Amino acid sequence: MGFTSFMEAALEEARAAAQAGEVPVGAVVVKDGTIVARARNRMRELTDPTAHAEMLAIRAACAALGSGRLTGCDLWVTLEPCPACAGAIAAARLSRLYYGASDPKSGGVVQGPRVFDHPQAHWSPEVYGGIAETECADLLKAFFAARR
């Protein structure tokens, strides 16, 4: 069985976020090769600073699967998760994290606090960065360039 990327589905969510005036980040949770949840940033829409794509996708996947643990699931997200989202990924026990663009300003996985490398981290998924990195980064750059 070959490797299947689900980054295009996450990018679809990111594009929908941009259309809605949200920072274009999208995420999907995959279990056994099937998308079980998808989400986009909705912080402005929901007036909720925790409504990051990753948080919403994790919540939806937990609801869909009837479990607070997502062991055996993968998270695909267009931008390196922030420290809060990395904490949620650890709490949910996601098995693998695939992300697109690195986030030198607010990232929490390979940038900044490196949450999964912290001695107090109780769970650490396998991490794969740089998936469709150029497309993910270009979407973010275009979004912010249009607002400046």
Protein backbone atom coordinates (compact mmCIF):
# COMPACT_ATOMS: atom_id res chain seq x y z
CA MET A 1 0.00 0.00 0.00
CA GLY A 2 1.47 3.35 -1.04
CA PHE A 3 1.54 6.64 0.79
CA THR A 4 -1.51 8.88 0.28
CA SER A 5 -1.32 12.58 1.01
CA PHE A 6 -4.36 14.32 2.43
CA MET A 7 -2.81 17.79 2.21
CA GLU A 8 -5.06 18.77 -0.71
CA ALA A 9 -8.11 18.28 1.54
CA ALA A 10 -6.47 20.47 4.19
CA LEU A 11 -5.70 23.06 1.50
CA GLU A 12 -9.37 23.06 0.45
CA GLU A 13 -10.26 23.97 4.02
CA ALA A 14 -7.55 26.66 4.09
CA ARG A 15 -8.91 28.20 0.88
CA ALA A 16 -12.41 28.23 2.40
CA ALA A 17 -11.00 30.01 5.46
CA ALA A 18 -9.42 32.68 3.22
CA GLN A 19 -12.72 33.16 1.40
CA ALA A 20 -14.36 33.77 4.77
CA GLY A 21 -11.70 36.32 5.76
CA GLU A 22 -9.99 33.97 8.21
CA VAL A 23 -6.27 33.21 8.25
CA PRO A 24 -6.06 30.40 5.67
CA VAL A 25 -5.27 27.31 7.69
CA GLY A 26 -7.05 24.02 7.14
CA ALA A 27 -6.86 20.64 8.80
CA VAL A 28 -8.17 17.12 8.38
CA VAL A 29 -8.06 14.08 10.66
CA VAL A 30 -7.59 10.74 8.91
CA LYS A 31 -8.13 7.24 10.27
CA ASP A 32 -7.41 4.14 8.22
CA GLY A 33 -7.16 6.18 5.01
CA THR A 34 -10.50 7.94 5.48
CA ILE A 35 -11.10 11.55 6.47
CA VAL A 36 -13.14 11.53 9.67
CA ALA A 37 -13.09 15.29 10.31
CA ARG A 38 -12.16 18.48 8.51
CA ALA A 39 -12.00 22.07 9.66
CA ARG A 40 -10.68 25.51 8.90
CA ASN A 41 -9.75 28.49 11.03
CA ARG A 42 -12.95 30.09 12.35
CA MET A 43 -11.68 32.41 15.07
CA ARG A 44 -13.37 35.54 13.73
CA GLU A 45 -16.58 33.76 12.75
CA LEU A 46 -16.99 32.14 16.15
CA THR A 47 -15.34 34.96 18.14
CA ASP A 48 -13.23 32.23 19.71
CA PRO A 49 -9.45 32.50 19.95
CA THR A 50 -9.21 28.71 20.24
CA ALA A 51 -11.10 28.06 16.97
CA HIS A 52 -7.93 27.09 15.12
CA ALA A 53 -8.33 24.55 12.32
CA GLU A 54 -6.48 21.89 14.32
CA MET A 55 -8.59 22.37 17.46
CA LEU A 56 -11.85 22.21 15.50
CA ALA A 57 -10.73 19.15 13.52
CA ILE A 58 -9.67 17.36 16.70
CA ARG A 59 -13.01 18.14 18.39
CA ALA A 60 -14.95 16.94 15.34
CA ALA A 61 -12.89 13.75 15.06
CA CYS A 62 -13.40 12.95 18.74
CA ALA A 63 -17.15 13.44 18.30
CA ALA A 64 -17.25 11.36 15.11
CA LEU A 65 -15.27 8.52 16.64
CA GLY A 66 -16.86 8.72 20.08
CA SER A 67 -13.51 8.96 21.86
CA GLY A 68 -11.30 11.56 23.47
CA ARG A 69 -8.28 9.68 22.18
CA LEU A 70 -7.31 9.71 18.51
CA THR A 71 -4.58 7.07 18.63
CA GLY A 72 -4.22 5.61 15.17
CA CYS A 73 -5.31 8.87 13.55
CA ASP A 74 -3.27 11.35 11.53
CA LEU A 75 -3.65 15.13 11.50
CA TRP A 76 -2.92 16.97 8.26
CA VAL A 77 -2.63 20.75 8.61
CA THR A 78 -1.41 23.43 6.23
CA LEU A 79 0.66 25.32 8.82
CA GLU A 80 2.91 24.17 11.64
CA PRO A 81 0.70 24.05 14.75
CA CYS A 82 1.05 26.72 17.42
CA PRO A 83 1.94 25.67 20.99
CA ALA A 84 -1.73 25.48 22.05
CA CYS A 85 -2.62 23.24 19.11
CA ALA A 86 0.47 21.10 19.71
CA GLY A 87 -0.77 20.63 23.28
CA ALA A 88 -4.18 19.54 21.98
CA ILE A 89 -2.50 17.13 19.54
CA ALA A 90 -0.62 15.56 22.45
CA ALA A 91 -3.75 15.41 24.63
CA ALA A 92 -5.69 13.71 21.84
CA ARG A 93 -2.86 11.20 21.33
CA LEU A 94 -2.77 11.66 17.55
CA SER A 95 -0.31 9.20 16.04
CA ARG A 96 1.07 11.33 13.23
CA LEU A 97 1.21 15.03 12.36
CA TYR A 98 1.74 16.14 8.77
CA TYR A 99 2.05 19.88 8.19
CA GLY A 100 2.77 22.12 5.22
CA ALA A 101 4.44 25.45 5.91
CA SER A 102 6.73 26.10 8.88
CA ASP A 103 5.74 28.96 11.16
CA PRO A 104 8.83 30.78 12.46
CA LYS A 105 6.67 33.38 14.24
CA SER A 106 4.11 31.24 16.06
CA GLY A 107 4.99 27.59 15.50
CA GLY A 108 5.23 25.25 18.44
CA VAL A 109 6.49 22.00 16.91
CA VAL A 110 9.87 22.63 15.24
CA GLN A 111 9.94 26.37 15.94
CA GLY A 112 9.59 28.16 19.27
CA PRO A 113 8.87 25.98 22.29
CA ARG A 114 8.99 22.62 20.45
CA VAL A 115 6.17 21.26 22.57
CA PHE A 116 6.70 17.59 21.71
CA ASP A 117 10.38 17.77 22.71
CA HIS A 118 9.61 19.25 26.12
CA PRO A 119 10.41 16.96 29.09
CA GLN A 120 6.84 17.37 30.35
CA ALA A 121 5.24 16.29 27.06
CA HIS A 122 3.16 13.22 27.82
CA TRP A 123 2.69 12.24 24.16
CA SER A 124 4.59 12.90 20.98
CA PRO A 125 3.28 12.02 17.52
CA GLU A 126 5.47 11.22 14.55
CA VAL A 127 6.01 14.60 12.82
CA TYR A 128 6.44 15.20 9.10
CA GLY A 129 6.81 18.78 7.91
CA GLY A 130 7.11 20.43 4.54
CA ILE A 131 4.26 18.58 2.82
CA ALA A 132 3.14 20.81 -0.12
CA GLU A 133 5.08 23.51 1.71
CA THR A 134 5.28 25.99 -1.16
CA GLU A 135 1.55 25.89 -1.88
CA CYS A 136 0.66 26.20 1.80
CA ALA A 137 3.09 29.09 2.34
CA ASP A 138 2.01 30.90 -0.84
CA LEU A 139 -1.64 30.80 0.27
CA LEU A 140 -0.70 32.46 3.57
CA LYS A 141 1.58 35.02 1.92
CA ALA A 142 -1.11 36.01 -0.59
CA PHE A 143 -3.70 36.36 2.17
CA PHE A 144 -1.54 38.68 4.26
CA ALA A 145 -0.23 40.64 1.27
CA ALA A 146 -3.83 41.48 0.31
CA ARG A 147 -4.41 42.92 3.80
CA ARG A 148 -1.33 45.13 3.98
